[in-house]
Amino acid sequence: LFNNAGISDRMSSITEITAEGWSWIFDILVRGPALGMKHAAPLMLERGGGSIINTASIAGLQAGFGPIAYSTAKAGVIHMSRVAAAQLSPQKIRVNAICPGLIATSIFGASIGLPLEVADQMAARVAENASKAQPVPKAGLPDDIAQAALYLASDAAAFVSGTHLVVDGGITVGGRHAWDTTSVSPFATILGDMIPGQS
């Protein structure tokens, strides 16, 4: 089972989001995968096991990669996958999550209510420019997530359960200064000429 349906809300802050908006995000991003697992698990038990994969996000790992409701829901998906793995792994049902980074899809435009054609144009722009935002110099594509899902679904991952696989081109390895030699470290900015070799 690959629970991969997803949405995002506008970039609402905690002071702006409505109760209805919060519930809408959680219904799709958390309740949907929970019910998917609930209904798939008995069928997997009948056939002797299986693999469940839930789409989370790097937004569920760190602040700054999505709006608050989306980010909180994706953090919930990561933990829900871990708890479900604890319950189902003894019955030969593995449960894992994938945390995509900046992937060139239309979700960015669709989430703010743009028509599909314009959202697709935004996806193309992401594909053109994403490589500049992360250490791996290529755009993240849907196929990168598909390959991760294929691995987690396959027998090659028979010993993998209760974890999350980050597929993000290295964007979460650290601040830009960690991988971009032209970027200045925050420590260098603060301490300036006190650091040898800095001016």
N, C-alpha and C. Protein backbone atom coordinates (compact mmCIF):
# COMPACT_ATOMS: atom_id res chain seq x y z
N LEU A 1 0.85 -1.19 0.00
CA LEU A 1 0.00 0.00 0.00
C LEU A 1 0.88 1.23 0.00
N PHE A 2 0.65 2.14 -0.94
CA PHE A 2 1.38 3.40 -0.98
C PHE A 2 0.37 4.52 -0.75
N ASN A 3 0.34 5.05 0.46
CA ASN A 3 -0.55 6.18 0.80
C ASN A 3 0.13 7.45 0.33
N ASN A 4 -0.24 7.90 -0.87
CA ASN A 4 0.49 8.99 -1.49
C ASN A 4 -0.38 10.19 -1.86
N ALA A 5 -1.66 10.19 -1.49
CA ALA A 5 -2.49 11.36 -1.77
C ALA A 5 -2.04 12.49 -0.88
N GLY A 6 -1.97 13.69 -1.42
CA GLY A 6 -1.52 14.80 -0.60
C GLY A 6 -1.98 16.14 -1.11
N ILE A 7 -2.02 17.09 -0.20
CA ILE A 7 -2.37 18.48 -0.51
C ILE A 7 -1.52 19.35 0.40
N SER A 8 -1.58 20.62 0.16
CA SER A 8 -1.00 21.58 1.10
C SER A 8 -1.94 22.77 1.14
N ASP A 9 -1.80 23.54 2.20
CA ASP A 9 -2.60 24.75 2.31
C ASP A 9 -1.74 25.94 1.90
N ARG A 10 -2.36 27.09 1.86
CA ARG A 10 -1.59 28.30 1.63
C ARG A 10 -0.60 28.47 2.77
N MET A 11 0.36 29.33 2.60
CA MET A 11 1.40 29.47 3.61
C MET A 11 0.86 30.21 4.85
N SER A 12 -0.12 29.60 5.50
CA SER A 12 -0.76 30.21 6.65
C SER A 12 0.12 30.04 7.89
N SER A 13 0.14 31.08 8.72
CA SER A 13 0.85 30.98 10.00
C SER A 13 -0.14 30.47 11.05
N ILE A 14 0.34 30.20 12.24
CA ILE A 14 -0.53 29.70 13.31
C ILE A 14 -1.63 30.72 13.65
N THR A 15 -1.36 32.01 13.44
CA THR A 15 -2.36 33.02 13.77
C THR A 15 -3.39 33.20 12.65
N GLU A 16 -3.12 32.64 11.49
CA GLU A 16 -4.01 32.83 10.34
C GLU A 16 -4.87 31.61 10.01
N ILE A 17 -4.40 30.43 10.34
CA ILE A 17 -5.13 29.23 9.91
C ILE A 17 -6.46 29.10 10.64
N THR A 18 -7.46 28.59 9.94
CA THR A 18 -8.76 28.38 10.55
C THR A 18 -8.86 26.96 11.08
N ALA A 19 -9.80 26.73 11.97
CA ALA A 19 -10.03 25.38 12.49
C ALA A 19 -10.44 24.44 11.35
N GLU A 20 -11.24 24.97 10.43
CA GLU A 20 -11.68 24.16 9.29
C GLU A 20 -10.50 23.80 8.39
N GLY A 21 -9.61 24.76 8.16
CA GLY A 21 -8.44 24.51 7.33
C GLY A 21 -7.51 23.48 7.96
N TRP A 22 -7.34 23.59 9.28
CA TRP A 22 -6.50 22.62 10.01
C TRP A 22 -7.08 21.22 9.87
N SER A 23 -8.39 21.09 10.08
CA SER A 23 -9.05 19.78 9.99
C SER A 23 -8.97 19.21 8.58
N TRP A 24 -9.12 20.06 7.57
CA TRP A 24 -9.06 19.62 6.17
C TRP A 24 -7.70 19.02 5.87
N ILE A 25 -6.63 19.71 6.29
CA ILE A 25 -5.27 19.20 6.06
C ILE A 25 -5.08 17.86 6.77
N PHE A 26 -5.48 17.79 8.04
CA PHE A 26 -5.27 16.56 8.81
C PHE A 26 -6.13 15.41 8.32
N ASP A 27 -7.33 15.71 7.83
CA ASP A 27 -8.19 14.64 7.29
C ASP A 27 -7.51 13.95 6.11
N ILE A 28 -6.91 14.73 5.24
CA ILE A 28 -6.31 14.14 4.04
C ILE A 28 -4.93 13.56 4.33
N LEU A 29 -4.10 14.31 5.07
CA LEU A 29 -2.70 13.91 5.23
C LEU A 29 -2.47 12.89 6.35
N VAL A 30 -3.33 12.85 7.36
CA VAL A 30 -3.13 11.91 8.47
C VAL A 30 -4.25 10.88 8.54
N ARG A 31 -5.48 11.35 8.54
CA ARG A 31 -6.61 10.42 8.64
C ARG A 31 -6.67 9.49 7.43
N GLY A 32 -6.39 10.03 6.23
CA GLY A 32 -6.41 9.21 5.02
C GLY A 32 -5.45 8.03 5.10
N PRO A 33 -4.16 8.27 5.36
CA PRO A 33 -3.23 7.14 5.50
C PRO A 33 -3.59 6.20 6.65
N ALA A 34 -4.12 6.76 7.75
CA ALA A 34 -4.50 5.91 8.89
C ALA A 34 -5.59 4.93 8.47
N LEU A 35 -6.60 5.44 7.76
CA LEU A 35 -7.68 4.56 7.32
C LEU A 35 -7.21 3.61 6.22
N GLY A 36 -6.29 4.09 5.37
CA GLY A 36 -5.72 3.20 4.36
C GLY A 36 -5.04 2.01 5.01
N MET A 37 -4.24 2.28 6.06
CA MET A 37 -3.57 1.19 6.77
C MET A 37 -4.57 0.28 7.47
N LYS A 38 -5.57 0.88 8.08
CA LYS A 38 -6.60 0.10 8.79
C LYS A 38 -7.25 -0.93 7.87
N HIS A 39 -7.57 -0.51 6.65
CA HIS A 39 -8.30 -1.40 5.74
C HIS A 39 -7.38 -2.32 4.93
N ALA A 40 -6.12 -1.91 4.75
CA ALA A 40 -5.20 -2.77 4.00
C ALA A 40 -4.61 -3.87 4.87
N ALA A 41 -4.38 -3.57 6.15
CA ALA A 41 -3.70 -4.54 7.02
C ALA A 41 -4.41 -5.90 7.09
N PRO A 42 -5.73 -5.97 7.24
CA PRO A 42 -6.37 -7.30 7.27
C PRO A 42 -6.15 -8.11 6.00
N LEU A 43 -6.14 -7.43 4.85
CA LEU A 43 -5.90 -8.13 3.59
C LEU A 43 -4.46 -8.63 3.52
N MET A 44 -3.53 -7.83 4.03
CA MET A 44 -2.14 -8.26 4.06
C MET A 44 -1.93 -9.43 5.03
N LEU A 45 -2.64 -9.40 6.14
CA LEU A 45 -2.55 -10.50 7.10
C LEU A 45 -3.02 -11.80 6.47
N GLU A 46 -4.08 -11.73 5.67
CA GLU A 46 -4.62 -12.93 5.00
C GLU A 46 -3.60 -13.56 4.06
N ARG A 47 -2.79 -12.73 3.44
CA ARG A 47 -1.82 -13.26 2.47
C ARG A 47 -0.43 -13.44 3.06
N GLY A 48 -0.28 -13.19 4.37
CA GLY A 48 0.98 -13.49 5.04
C GLY A 48 1.95 -12.33 5.19
N GLY A 49 1.51 -11.12 4.94
CA GLY A 49 2.38 -9.95 5.15
C GLY A 49 2.28 -8.95 4.03
N GLY A 50 3.07 -7.90 4.14
CA GLY A 50 3.06 -6.86 3.11
C GLY A 50 3.90 -5.67 3.51
N SER A 51 3.79 -4.62 2.74
CA SER A 51 4.53 -3.39 2.97
C SER A 51 3.59 -2.20 2.82
N ILE A 52 3.66 -1.30 3.79
CA ILE A 52 2.88 -0.06 3.74
C ILE A 52 3.87 1.10 3.70
N ILE A 53 3.64 2.01 2.78
CA ILE A 53 4.50 3.18 2.62
C ILE A 53 3.61 4.42 2.69
N ASN A 54 3.97 5.34 3.58
CA ASN A 54 3.24 6.58 3.74
C ASN A 54 4.10 7.75 3.28
N THR A 55 3.52 8.66 2.51
CA THR A 55 4.27 9.83 2.09
C THR A 55 4.22 10.89 3.18
N ALA A 56 5.39 11.20 3.72
CA ALA A 56 5.52 12.29 4.69
C ALA A 56 6.18 13.46 3.95
N SER A 57 7.14 14.13 4.56
CA SER A 57 7.82 15.27 3.93
C SER A 57 8.96 15.71 4.81
N ILE A 58 9.95 16.37 4.21
CA ILE A 58 10.98 16.99 5.03
C ILE A 58 10.39 18.10 5.90
N ALA A 59 9.20 18.59 5.52
CA ALA A 59 8.52 19.59 6.34
C ALA A 59 8.13 19.02 7.70
N GLY A 60 8.01 17.69 7.78
CA GLY A 60 7.71 17.05 9.04
C GLY A 60 8.94 16.82 9.90
N LEU A 61 10.12 17.14 9.36
CA LEU A 61 11.38 16.95 10.08
C LEU A 61 11.96 18.25 10.60
N GLN A 62 11.76 19.34 9.86
CA GLN A 62 12.36 20.63 10.21
C GLN A 62 11.40 21.76 9.88
N ALA A 63 11.49 22.83 10.63
CA ALA A 63 10.74 24.04 10.30
C ALA A 63 11.31 24.67 9.05
N GLY A 64 10.46 25.40 8.33
CA GLY A 64 10.93 26.15 7.18
C GLY A 64 10.66 25.53 5.84
N PHE A 65 10.09 24.33 5.81
CA PHE A 65 9.84 23.66 4.53
C PHE A 65 8.36 23.56 4.18
N GLY A 66 7.50 24.20 4.94
CA GLY A 66 6.07 24.16 4.63
C GLY A 66 5.28 24.93 5.66
N PRO A 67 4.00 25.18 5.36
CA PRO A 67 3.14 25.87 6.32
C PRO A 67 2.89 25.00 7.56
N ILE A 68 2.39 25.60 8.62
CA ILE A 68 2.34 24.93 9.92
C ILE A 68 1.43 23.71 9.95
N ALA A 69 0.24 23.79 9.37
CA ALA A 69 -0.66 22.64 9.40
C ALA A 69 -0.08 21.48 8.60
N TYR A 70 0.42 21.77 7.41
CA TYR A 70 1.03 20.76 6.55
C TYR A 70 2.22 20.11 7.26
N SER A 71 3.10 20.94 7.80
CA SER A 71 4.31 20.44 8.46
C SER A 71 3.97 19.58 9.67
N THR A 72 3.01 20.02 10.45
CA THR A 72 2.62 19.27 11.64
C THR A 72 1.97 17.94 11.25
N ALA A 73 1.14 17.96 10.21
CA ALA A 73 0.52 16.72 9.74
C ALA A 73 1.57 15.74 9.24
N LYS A 74 2.56 16.23 8.51
CA LYS A 74 3.59 15.34 7.99
C LYS A 74 4.46 14.77 9.12
N ALA A 75 4.69 15.56 10.17
CA ALA A 75 5.38 15.02 11.34
C ALA A 75 4.54 13.91 11.96
N GLY A 76 3.22 14.09 11.95
CA GLY A 76 2.31 13.06 12.44
C GLY A 76 2.38 11.79 11.62
N VAL A 77 2.53 11.94 10.31
CA VAL A 77 2.63 10.77 9.43
C VAL A 77 3.90 9.97 9.75
N ILE A 78 5.01 10.67 10.01
CA ILE A 78 6.26 9.99 10.35
C ILE A 78 6.09 9.18 11.63
N HIS A 79 5.51 9.80 12.64
CA HIS A 79 5.35 9.09 13.92
C HIS A 79 4.29 7.99 13.83
N MET A 80 3.20 8.27 13.10
CA MET A 80 2.17 7.26 12.91
C MET A 80 2.75 6.02 12.21
N SER A 81 3.63 6.24 11.25
CA SER A 81 4.26 5.12 10.54
C SER A 81 5.10 4.29 11.50
N ARG A 82 5.80 4.97 12.42
CA ARG A 82 6.64 4.27 13.39
C ARG A 82 5.78 3.43 14.35
N VAL A 83 4.71 4.03 14.84
CA VAL A 83 3.82 3.31 15.77
C VAL A 83 3.13 2.14 15.08
N ALA A 84 2.66 2.37 13.85
CA ALA A 84 2.02 1.29 13.08
C ALA A 84 3.01 0.17 12.81
N ALA A 85 4.27 0.52 12.56
CA ALA A 85 5.29 -0.51 12.33
C ALA A 85 5.48 -1.35 13.58
N ALA A 86 5.46 -0.72 14.74
CA ALA A 86 5.60 -1.47 15.99
C ALA A 86 4.46 -2.47 16.16
N GLN A 87 3.27 -2.07 15.74
CA GLN A 87 2.10 -2.94 15.89
C GLN A 87 2.02 -4.02 14.82
N LEU A 88 2.46 -3.70 13.60
CA LEU A 88 2.23 -4.61 12.48
C LEU A 88 3.44 -5.45 12.07
N SER A 89 4.65 -4.99 12.38
CA SER A 89 5.84 -5.73 11.96
C SER A 89 5.88 -7.17 12.48
N PRO A 90 5.44 -7.42 13.74
CA PRO A 90 5.44 -8.82 14.19
C PRO A 90 4.53 -9.73 13.35
N GLN A 91 3.62 -9.10 12.61
CA GLN A 91 2.72 -9.87 11.74
C GLN A 91 3.17 -9.79 10.27
N LYS A 92 4.43 -9.46 10.08
CA LYS A 92 5.07 -9.44 8.76
C LYS A 92 4.51 -8.35 7.83
N ILE A 93 4.04 -7.27 8.44
CA ILE A 93 3.63 -6.10 7.66
C ILE A 93 4.59 -4.96 8.02
N ARG A 94 5.42 -4.57 7.08
CA ARG A 94 6.37 -3.49 7.31
C ARG A 94 5.70 -2.15 7.02
N VAL A 95 6.04 -1.14 7.82
CA VAL A 95 5.48 0.20 7.62
C VAL A 95 6.63 1.21 7.65
N ASN A 96 6.71 2.02 6.61
CA ASN A 96 7.75 3.04 6.50
C ASN A 96 7.16 4.31 5.89
N ALA A 97 7.91 5.38 5.99
CA ALA A 97 7.51 6.65 5.37
C ALA A 97 8.61 7.14 4.45
N ILE A 98 8.21 7.91 3.44
CA ILE A 98 9.16 8.60 2.57
C ILE A 98 9.00 10.09 2.85
N CYS A 99 10.13 10.79 2.98
CA CYS A 99 10.13 12.23 3.19
C CYS A 99 10.73 12.93 1.97
N PRO A 100 9.89 13.31 1.01
CA PRO A 100 10.41 14.01 -0.17
C PRO A 100 10.89 15.41 0.20
N GLY A 101 11.86 15.88 -0.57
CA GLY A 101 12.30 17.27 -0.46
C GLY A 101 11.60 18.09 -1.52
N LEU A 102 12.35 18.92 -2.20
CA LEU A 102 11.82 19.80 -3.23
C LEU A 102 11.67 18.99 -4.53
N ILE A 103 10.45 18.50 -4.76
CA ILE A 103 10.16 17.66 -5.93
C ILE A 103 9.32 18.47 -6.92
N ALA A 104 9.69 18.44 -8.17
CA ALA A 104 9.01 19.24 -9.20
C ALA A 104 7.66 18.64 -9.55
N THR A 105 6.64 19.04 -8.81
CA THR A 105 5.26 18.63 -9.11
C THR A 105 4.37 19.87 -9.05
N SER A 106 3.13 19.70 -9.43
CA SER A 106 2.19 20.84 -9.45
C SER A 106 1.59 21.13 -8.08
N ILE A 107 2.00 20.40 -7.03
CA ILE A 107 1.40 20.62 -5.71
C ILE A 107 1.63 22.05 -5.22
N PHE A 108 2.75 22.66 -5.58
CA PHE A 108 3.05 24.01 -5.10
C PHE A 108 2.00 25.00 -5.59
N GLY A 109 1.69 24.97 -6.88
CA GLY A 109 0.70 25.89 -7.42
C GLY A 109 -0.72 25.50 -7.07
N ALA A 110 -1.00 24.20 -7.11
CA ALA A 110 -2.36 23.73 -6.81
C ALA A 110 -2.75 24.06 -5.38
N SER A 111 -1.77 24.03 -4.47
CA SER A 111 -2.05 24.29 -3.06
C SER A 111 -2.47 25.72 -2.79
N ILE A 112 -2.07 26.63 -3.67
CA ILE A 112 -2.49 28.02 -3.46
C ILE A 112 -3.62 28.41 -4.41
N GLY A 113 -4.26 27.38 -5.00
CA GLY A 113 -5.46 27.60 -5.78
C GLY A 113 -5.25 28.01 -7.23
N LEU A 114 -4.05 27.82 -7.76
CA LEU A 114 -3.81 28.18 -9.16
C LEU A 114 -4.40 27.13 -10.09
N PRO A 115 -4.81 27.52 -11.29
CA PRO A 115 -5.29 26.54 -12.27
C PRO A 115 -4.18 25.54 -12.59
N LEU A 116 -4.55 24.34 -13.00
CA LEU A 116 -3.59 23.27 -13.24
C LEU A 116 -2.50 23.68 -14.24
N GLU A 117 -2.89 24.40 -15.29
CA GLU A 117 -1.90 24.81 -16.29
C GLU A 117 -0.81 25.69 -15.66
N VAL A 118 -1.23 26.62 -14.80
CA VAL A 118 -0.27 27.51 -14.14
C VAL A 118 0.54 26.72 -13.10
N ALA A 119 -0.13 25.80 -12.40
CA ALA A 119 0.58 24.96 -11.42
C ALA A 119 1.64 24.11 -12.11
N ASP A 120 1.34 23.63 -13.30
CA ASP A 120 2.32 22.85 -14.06
C ASP A 120 3.51 23.72 -14.47
N GLN A 121 3.24 24.99 -14.78
CA GLN A 121 4.32 25.92 -15.11
C GLN A 121 5.22 26.13 -13.89
N MET A 122 4.61 26.20 -12.72
CA MET A 122 5.40 26.33 -11.49
C MET A 122 6.27 25.10 -11.28
N ALA A 123 5.73 23.92 -11.58
CA ALA A 123 6.51 22.68 -11.45
C ALA A 123 7.72 22.72 -12.37
N ALA A 124 7.52 23.23 -13.58
CA ALA A 124 8.63 23.34 -14.52
C ALA A 124 9.69 24.30 -13.99
N ARG A 125 9.25 25.37 -13.36
CA ARG A 125 10.20 26.33 -12.78
C ARG A 125 10.98 25.70 -11.63
N VAL A 126 10.29 24.90 -10.81
CA VAL A 126 10.97 24.18 -9.73
C VAL A 126 12.03 23.25 -10.33
N ALA A 127 11.66 22.54 -11.39
CA ALA A 127 12.60 21.62 -12.03
C ALA A 127 13.84 22.35 -12.55
N GLU A 128 13.65 23.57 -13.06
CA GLU A 128 14.76 24.34 -13.61
C GLU A 128 15.70 24.87 -12.51
N ASN A 129 15.14 25.20 -11.35
CA ASN A 129 15.91 25.93 -10.35
C ASN A 129 16.22 25.18 -9.06
N ALA A 130 15.60 24.03 -8.83
CA ALA A 130 15.76 23.33 -7.55
C ALA A 130 17.19 22.93 -7.27
N SER A 131 17.94 22.63 -8.31
CA SER A 131 19.31 22.17 -8.10
C SER A 131 20.17 23.22 -7.41
N LYS A 132 19.76 24.48 -7.45
CA LYS A 132 20.52 25.55 -6.80
C LYS A 132 20.25 25.63 -5.30
N ALA A 133 19.22 24.92 -4.82
CA ALA A 133 18.80 25.04 -3.42
C ALA A 133 19.29 23.89 -2.55
N GLN A 134 20.05 22.96 -3.12
CA GLN A 134 20.44 21.76 -2.38
C GLN A 134 21.80 21.27 -2.86
N PRO A 135 22.47 20.44 -2.07
CA PRO A 135 23.79 19.96 -2.48
C PRO A 135 23.81 19.13 -3.76
N VAL A 136 22.84 18.25 -3.96
CA VAL A 136 22.80 17.43 -5.17
C VAL A 136 22.34 18.31 -6.33
N PRO A 137 23.18 18.49 -7.35
CA PRO A 137 22.87 19.45 -8.40
C PRO A 137 21.94 18.91 -9.49
N LYS A 138 20.78 18.44 -9.07
CA LYS A 138 19.75 18.03 -10.04
C LYS A 138 18.40 18.27 -9.40
N ALA A 139 17.41 18.43 -10.21
CA ALA A 139 16.06 18.62 -9.70
C ALA A 139 15.50 17.30 -9.16
N GLY A 140 14.76 17.37 -8.07
CA GLY A 140 14.05 16.21 -7.59
C GLY A 140 12.82 15.98 -8.45
N LEU A 141 12.64 14.77 -8.92
CA LEU A 141 11.54 14.45 -9.82
C LEU A 141 10.64 13.38 -9.22
N PRO A 142 9.39 13.29 -9.66
CA PRO A 142 8.51 12.24 -9.16
C PRO A 142 9.13 10.85 -9.24
N ASP A 143 9.93 10.59 -10.26
CA ASP A 143 10.56 9.29 -10.40
C ASP A 143 11.50 8.98 -9.24
N ASP A 144 12.12 10.01 -8.65
CA ASP A 144 12.99 9.77 -7.49
C ASP A 144 12.19 9.21 -6.31
N ILE A 145 10.98 9.70 -6.15
CA ILE A 145 10.12 9.19 -5.07
C ILE A 145 9.60 7.81 -5.44
N ALA A 146 9.27 7.61 -6.70
CA ALA A 146 8.80 6.29 -7.15
C ALA A 146 9.85 5.22 -6.90
N GLN A 147 11.11 5.54 -7.16
CA GLN A 147 12.19 4.57 -6.93
C GLN A 147 12.32 4.23 -5.45
N ALA A 148 12.17 5.23 -4.59
CA ALA A 148 12.22 4.98 -3.14
C ALA A 148 11.06 4.09 -2.71
N ALA A 149 9.88 4.35 -3.27
CA ALA A 149 8.71 3.54 -2.93
C ALA A 149 8.89 2.10 -3.41
N LEU A 150 9.44 1.94 -4.61
CA LEU A 150 9.69 0.59 -5.13
C LEU A 150 10.64 -0.18 -4.21
N TYR A 151 11.67 0.50 -3.74
CA TYR A 151 12.62 -0.15 -2.82
C TYR A 151 11.89 -0.59 -1.54
N LEU A 152 11.15 0.32 -0.91
CA LEU A 152 10.48 -0.01 0.35
C LEU A 152 9.42 -1.09 0.17
N ALA A 153 8.84 -1.17 -1.01
CA ALA A 153 7.81 -2.19 -1.26
C ALA A 153 8.42 -3.56 -1.58
N SER A 154 9.69 -3.56 -1.94
CA SER A 154 10.31 -4.78 -2.45
C SER A 154 10.92 -5.64 -1.34
N ASP A 155 11.29 -6.86 -1.72
CA ASP A 155 11.98 -7.75 -0.78
C ASP A 155 13.37 -7.24 -0.42
N ALA A 156 13.92 -6.31 -1.21
CA ALA A 156 15.22 -5.72 -0.88
C ALA A 156 15.15 -4.96 0.44
N ALA A 157 13.94 -4.54 0.84
CA ALA A 157 13.75 -3.82 2.09
C ALA A 157 13.08 -4.70 3.14
N ALA A 158 13.29 -6.01 3.04
CA ALA A 158 12.61 -6.95 3.95
C ALA A 158 12.97 -6.73 5.42
N PHE A 159 14.09 -6.07 5.69
CA PHE A 159 14.53 -5.85 7.07
C PHE A 159 14.37 -4.39 7.48
N VAL A 160 13.56 -3.64 6.72
CA VAL A 160 13.38 -2.21 6.96
C VAL A 160 11.93 -1.95 7.37
N SER A 161 11.75 -1.47 8.60
CA SER A 161 10.41 -1.14 9.07
C SER A 161 10.51 -0.11 10.19
N GLY A 162 9.54 0.79 10.22
CA GLY A 162 9.47 1.79 11.28
C GLY A 162 10.40 2.96 11.11
N THR A 163 10.79 3.24 9.88
CA THR A 163 11.71 4.35 9.66
C THR A 163 11.17 5.26 8.56
N HIS A 164 11.89 6.34 8.30
CA HIS A 164 11.54 7.23 7.20
C HIS A 164 12.76 7.42 6.32
N LEU A 165 12.52 7.37 5.02
CA LEU A 165 13.58 7.53 4.03
C LEU A 165 13.50 8.94 3.47
N VAL A 166 14.56 9.71 3.69
CA VAL A 166 14.60 11.10 3.23
C VAL A 166 15.15 11.12 1.80
N VAL A 167 14.36 11.67 0.89
CA VAL A 167 14.74 11.75 -0.53
C VAL A 167 14.67 13.23 -0.91
N ASP A 168 15.78 13.94 -0.64
CA ASP A 168 15.71 15.40 -0.71
C ASP A 168 16.91 16.08 -1.35
N GLY A 169 17.76 15.33 -2.03
CA GLY A 169 18.92 15.95 -2.65
C GLY A 169 19.88 16.57 -1.65
N GLY A 170 19.75 16.17 -0.38
CA GLY A 170 20.64 16.67 0.65
C GLY A 170 20.26 18.01 1.24
N ILE A 171 19.05 18.51 0.94
CA ILE A 171 18.67 19.86 1.39
C ILE A 171 18.62 19.97 2.92
N THR A 172 18.42 18.84 3.61
CA THR A 172 18.33 18.89 5.07
C THR A 172 19.66 18.58 5.77
N VAL A 173 20.77 18.51 5.03
CA VAL A 173 22.04 18.18 5.68
C VAL A 173 22.54 19.30 6.59
N GLY A 174 22.09 20.51 6.37
CA GLY A 174 22.53 21.64 7.17
C GLY A 174 22.32 22.92 6.39
N GLY A 175 22.72 24.02 7.00
CA GLY A 175 22.58 25.31 6.33
C GLY A 175 23.38 25.37 5.05
N ARG A 176 23.05 26.33 4.22
CA ARG A 176 23.70 26.44 2.91
C ARG A 176 25.22 26.46 3.03
N HIS A 177 25.73 27.09 4.09
CA HIS A 177 27.18 27.17 4.26
C HIS A 177 27.84 25.80 4.44
N ALA A 178 27.02 24.79 4.79
CA ALA A 178 27.57 23.44 4.98
C ALA A 178 28.01 22.82 3.66
N TRP A 179 27.41 23.25 2.55
CA TRP A 179 27.72 22.63 1.26
C TRP A 179 28.06 23.61 0.15
N ASP A 180 27.80 24.89 0.36
CA ASP A 180 28.08 25.90 -0.66
C ASP A 180 29.29 26.72 -0.19
N THR A 181 30.42 26.55 -0.85
CA THR A 181 31.65 27.22 -0.42
C THR A 181 31.60 28.73 -0.58
N THR A 182 30.62 29.24 -1.34
CA THR A 182 30.50 30.69 -1.50
C THR A 182 29.61 31.30 -0.43
N SER A 183 28.97 30.47 0.38
CA SER A 183 28.08 30.96 1.42
C SER A 183 28.83 31.11 2.73
N VAL A 184 28.51 32.16 3.49
CA VAL A 184 29.21 32.45 4.73
C VAL A 184 28.52 31.77 5.90
N SER A 185 29.30 31.14 6.76
CA SER A 185 28.77 30.51 7.96
C SER A 185 28.21 31.56 8.90
N PRO A 186 27.12 31.23 9.62
CA PRO A 186 26.60 32.18 10.61
C PRO A 186 27.64 32.53 11.67
N PHE A 187 28.51 31.57 12.00
CA PHE A 187 29.55 31.84 12.99
C PHE A 187 30.53 32.89 12.46
N ALA A 188 30.87 32.78 11.18
CA ALA A 188 31.77 33.77 10.58
C ALA A 188 31.11 35.14 10.55
N THR A 189 29.81 35.18 10.31
CA THR A 189 29.09 36.45 10.28
C THR A 189 29.11 37.11 11.66
N ILE A 190 28.91 36.30 12.69
CA ILE A 190 28.85 36.83 14.06
C ILE A 190 30.23 37.20 14.59
N LEU A 191 31.21 36.31 14.37
CA LEU A 191 32.52 36.49 14.97
C LEU A 191 33.49 37.27 14.08
N GLY A 192 33.20 37.33 12.79
CA GLY A 192 33.98 38.14 11.87
C GLY A 192 35.46 37.88 11.92
N ASP A 193 36.24 38.96 12.16
CA ASP A 193 37.70 38.85 12.08
C ASP A 193 38.34 38.13 13.27
N MET A 194 37.51 37.63 14.20
CA MET A 194 38.07 36.85 15.30
C MET A 194 38.44 35.44 14.85
N ILE A 195 37.88 35.01 13.70
CA ILE A 195 38.18 33.68 13.16
C ILE A 195 39.35 33.81 12.21
N PRO A 196 40.44 33.04 12.43
CA PRO A 196 41.60 33.12 11.53
C PRO A 196 41.19 32.85 10.09
N GLY A 197 41.72 33.67 9.18
CA GLY A 197 41.44 33.50 7.76
C GLY A 197 40.20 34.25 7.30
N GLN A 198 39.45 34.86 8.23
CA GLN A 198 38.27 35.63 7.88
C GLN A 198 38.63 37.12 7.93
N SER A 199 38.03 37.87 7.05
CA SER A 199 38.29 39.31 7.10
C SER A 199 36.98 40.05 6.94
